[in-house]
Amino acid sequence: MNLSPIPDANLHPCLDALSPREQEVFLAIACGEPRDITFARLGIGAKTVDTYRARVLDKLDLHTNQHVTAYAMTFGLLAVELALPVNLAKALDGAAAEVTH
């Protein structure tokens, strides 16, 4: 399963309490982006990411990264892509082809 932010999700009213940088960190956490990728992508230090994470959790009264993801999903801020294993996808394609013949 892949999670990605919906375009303009950082403009969602439920995130009004967060600064623009906190919104970026919120969405990174919600998508499950590793901390080292987040700080490299945003061009900030690892401790700064940790500070923003703490602020996000405090402002939204959340306690874990999983809560951040659940919150984002509840408010429709994430797009969810389900990735099927290749062999299962091929099997489903084969079954669909048999049905159409």
C-alpha atoms as a PDB file:
ATOM      1  CA  MET A   1       0.000   0.000   0.000  1.00  0.00           C
ATOM      2  CA  ASN A   2       1.366   3.407  -0.957  1.00  0.00           C
ATOM      3  CA  LEU A   3       0.173   6.640   0.609  1.00  0.00           C
ATOM      4  CA  SER A   4       0.587  10.010  -1.043  1.00  0.00           C
ATOM      5  CA  PRO A   5      -0.739  13.455  -0.185  1.00  0.00           C
ATOM      6  CA  ILE A   6      -3.675  14.696  -2.189  1.00  0.00           C
ATOM      7  CA  PRO A   7      -2.741  17.887  -4.073  1.00  0.00           C
ATOM      8  CA  ASP A   8      -3.392  20.991  -1.981  1.00  0.00           C
ATOM      9  CA  ALA A   9      -4.041  18.833   1.094  1.00  0.00           C
ATOM     10  CA  ASN A  10      -1.966  21.287   3.102  1.00  0.00           C
ATOM     11  CA  LEU A  11      -4.741  23.827   2.474  1.00  0.00           C
ATOM     12  CA  HIS A  12      -7.309  21.653   4.277  1.00  0.00           C
ATOM     13  CA  PRO A  13      -9.031  23.533   7.139  1.00  0.00           C
ATOM     14  CA  CYS A  14      -8.185  20.813   9.666  1.00  0.00           C
ATOM     15  CA  LEU A  15      -4.542  21.852   9.280  1.00  0.00           C
ATOM     16  CA  ASP A  16      -5.139  25.573   9.927  1.00  0.00           C
ATOM     17  CA  ALA A  17      -3.475  25.291  13.346  1.00  0.00           C
ATOM     18  CA  LEU A  18      -0.216  24.242  11.682  1.00  0.00           C
ATOM     19  CA  SER A  19       2.401  26.452  10.053  1.00  0.00           C
ATOM     20  CA  PRO A  20       3.209  25.702   6.397  1.00  0.00           C
ATOM     21  CA  ARG A  21       6.386  23.808   7.430  1.00  0.00           C
ATOM     22  CA  GLU A  22       4.454  21.853  10.074  1.00  0.00           C
ATOM     23  CA  GLN A  23       1.935  20.935   7.373  1.00  0.00           C
ATOM     24  CA  GLU A  24       4.767  19.615   5.192  1.00  0.00           C
ATOM     25  CA  VAL A  25       6.107  17.524   8.061  1.00  0.00           C
ATOM     26  CA  PHE A  26       2.580  16.353   8.943  1.00  0.00           C
ATOM     27  CA  LEU A  27       2.046  15.070   5.392  1.00  0.00           C
ATOM     28  CA  ALA A  28       5.484  13.431   5.328  1.00  0.00           C
ATOM     29  CA  ILE A  29       4.700  11.593   8.565  1.00  0.00           C
ATOM     30  CA  ALA A  30       1.205  10.675   7.365  1.00  0.00           C
ATOM     31  CA  CYS A  31       2.655   9.151   4.195  1.00  0.00           C
ATOM     32  CA  GLY A  32       5.185   7.149   6.183  1.00  0.00           C
ATOM     33  CA  GLU A  33       8.166   8.995   4.752  1.00  0.00           C
ATOM     34  CA  PRO A  34      11.331   8.125   6.723  1.00  0.00           C
ATOM     35  CA  ARG A  35      12.760  10.969   8.800  1.00  0.00           C
ATOM     36  CA  ASP A  36      16.082  11.022   6.954  1.00  0.00           C
ATOM     37  CA  ILE A  37      14.305  11.486   3.628  1.00  0.00           C
ATOM     38  CA  THR A  38      12.077  14.206   5.094  1.00  0.00           C
ATOM     39  CA  PHE A  39      14.930  16.335   6.395  1.00  0.00           C
ATOM     40  CA  ALA A  40      16.948  15.885   3.203  1.00  0.00           C
ATOM     41  CA  ARG A  41      13.954  16.728   0.986  1.00  0.00           C
ATOM     42  CA  LEU A  42      13.026  19.800   3.037  1.00  0.00           C
ATOM     43  CA  GLY A  43      16.629  20.941   3.461  1.00  0.00           C
ATOM     44  CA  ILE A  44      16.423  21.103   7.250  1.00  0.00           C
ATOM     45  CA  GLY A  45      18.166  19.237  10.059  1.00  0.00           C
ATOM     46  CA  ALA A  46      17.001  15.988  11.623  1.00  0.00           C
ATOM     47  CA  LYS A  47      16.434  17.666  14.998  1.00  0.00           C
ATOM     48  CA  THR A  48      14.357  20.332  13.273  1.00  0.00           C
ATOM     49  CA  VAL A  49      12.130  17.624  11.782  1.00  0.00           C
ATOM     50  CA  ASP A  50      11.789  16.157  15.284  1.00  0.00           C
ATOM     51  CA  THR A  51      10.803  19.595  16.625  1.00  0.00           C
ATOM     52  CA  TYR A  52       8.162  20.057  13.919  1.00  0.00           C
ATOM     53  CA  ARG A  53       6.869  16.530  14.554  1.00  0.00           C
ATOM     54  CA  ALA A  54       6.499  17.314  18.271  1.00  0.00           C
ATOM     55  CA  ARG A  55       4.630  20.533  17.470  1.00  0.00           C
ATOM     56  CA  VAL A  56       2.297  18.725  15.050  1.00  0.00           C
ATOM     57  CA  LEU A  57       1.486  16.028  17.592  1.00  0.00           C
ATOM     58  CA  ASP A  58       0.897  18.618  20.310  1.00  0.00           C
ATOM     59  CA  LYS A  59      -1.267  20.964  18.217  1.00  0.00           C
ATOM     60  CA  LEU A  60      -3.442  18.145  16.859  1.00  0.00           C
ATOM     61  CA  ASP A  61      -3.482  16.213  20.164  1.00  0.00           C
ATOM     62  CA  LEU A  62      -2.014  13.107  18.533  1.00  0.00           C
ATOM     63  CA  HIS A  63       0.472  10.697  20.079  1.00  0.00           C
ATOM     64  CA  THR A  64       2.108   8.545  17.390  1.00  0.00           C
ATOM     65  CA  ASN A  65       2.940   8.589  13.686  1.00  0.00           C
ATOM     66  CA  GLN A  66       0.156   6.058  13.197  1.00  0.00           C
ATOM     67  CA  HIS A  67      -2.287   8.553  14.706  1.00  0.00           C
ATOM     68  CA  VAL A  68      -1.057  11.158  12.196  1.00  0.00           C
ATOM     69  CA  THR A  69      -1.719   8.746   9.321  1.00  0.00           C
ATOM     70  CA  ALA A  70      -5.173   7.863  10.669  1.00  0.00           C
ATOM     71  CA  TYR A  71      -5.987  11.561  11.118  1.00  0.00           C
ATOM     72  CA  ALA A  72      -4.923  12.325   7.546  1.00  0.00           C
ATOM     73  CA  MET A  73      -6.969   9.433   6.200  1.00  0.00           C
ATOM     74  CA  THR A  74     -10.026  10.490   8.238  1.00  0.00           C
ATOM     75  CA  PHE A  75      -9.946  13.959   6.692  1.00  0.00           C
ATOM     76  CA  GLY A  76      -9.269  12.667   3.182  1.00  0.00           C
ATOM     77  CA  LEU A  77      -5.764  14.107   2.942  1.00  0.00           C
ATOM     78  CA  LEU A  78      -4.155  10.941   1.579  1.00  0.00           C
ATOM     79  CA  ALA A  79      -4.582   8.973  -1.593  1.00  0.00           C
ATOM     80  CA  VAL A  80      -4.190   5.239  -1.025  1.00  0.00           C
ATOM     81  CA  GLU A  81      -2.784   2.986  -3.727  1.00  0.00           C
ATOM     82  CA  LEU A  82      -2.995  -0.727  -3.141  1.00  0.00           C
ATOM     83  CA  ALA A  83      -0.151  -2.561  -4.797  1.00  0.00           C
ATOM     84  CA  LEU A  84      -0.850  -6.205  -5.533  1.00  0.00           C
ATOM     85  CA  PRO A  85       2.014  -8.670  -5.680  1.00  0.00           C
ATOM     86  CA  VAL A  86       2.960  -9.290  -9.317  1.00  0.00           C
ATOM     87  CA  ASN A  87       1.931 -12.954  -9.257  1.00  0.00           C
ATOM     88  CA  LEU A  88      -1.495 -12.082  -7.786  1.00  0.00           C
ATOM     89  CA  ALA A  89      -2.018  -9.309 -10.345  1.00  0.00           C
ATOM     90  CA  LYS A  90      -1.178 -11.734 -13.172  1.00  0.00           C
ATOM     91  CA  ALA A  91      -3.533 -14.346 -11.733  1.00  0.00           C
ATOM     92  CA  LEU A  92      -6.359 -11.809 -11.535  1.00  0.00           C
ATOM     93  CA  ASP A  93      -5.684 -10.660 -15.099  1.00  0.00           C
ATOM     94  CA  GLY A  94      -5.754 -14.299 -16.257  1.00  0.00           C
ATOM     95  CA  ALA A  95      -9.023 -14.959 -14.466  1.00  0.00           C
ATOM     96  CA  ALA A  96     -10.576 -11.836 -15.996  1.00  0.00           C
ATOM     97  CA  ALA A  97      -9.473 -12.933 -19.460  1.00  0.00           C
ATOM     98  CA  GLU A  98     -11.112 -16.346 -18.983  1.00  0.00           C
ATOM     99  CA  VAL A  99     -14.390 -14.744 -17.954  1.00  0.00           C
ATOM    100  CA  THR A 100     -14.531 -12.627 -21.106  1.00  0.00           C
ATOM    101  CA  HIS A 101     -14.100 -15.625 -23.445  1.00  0.00           C
END
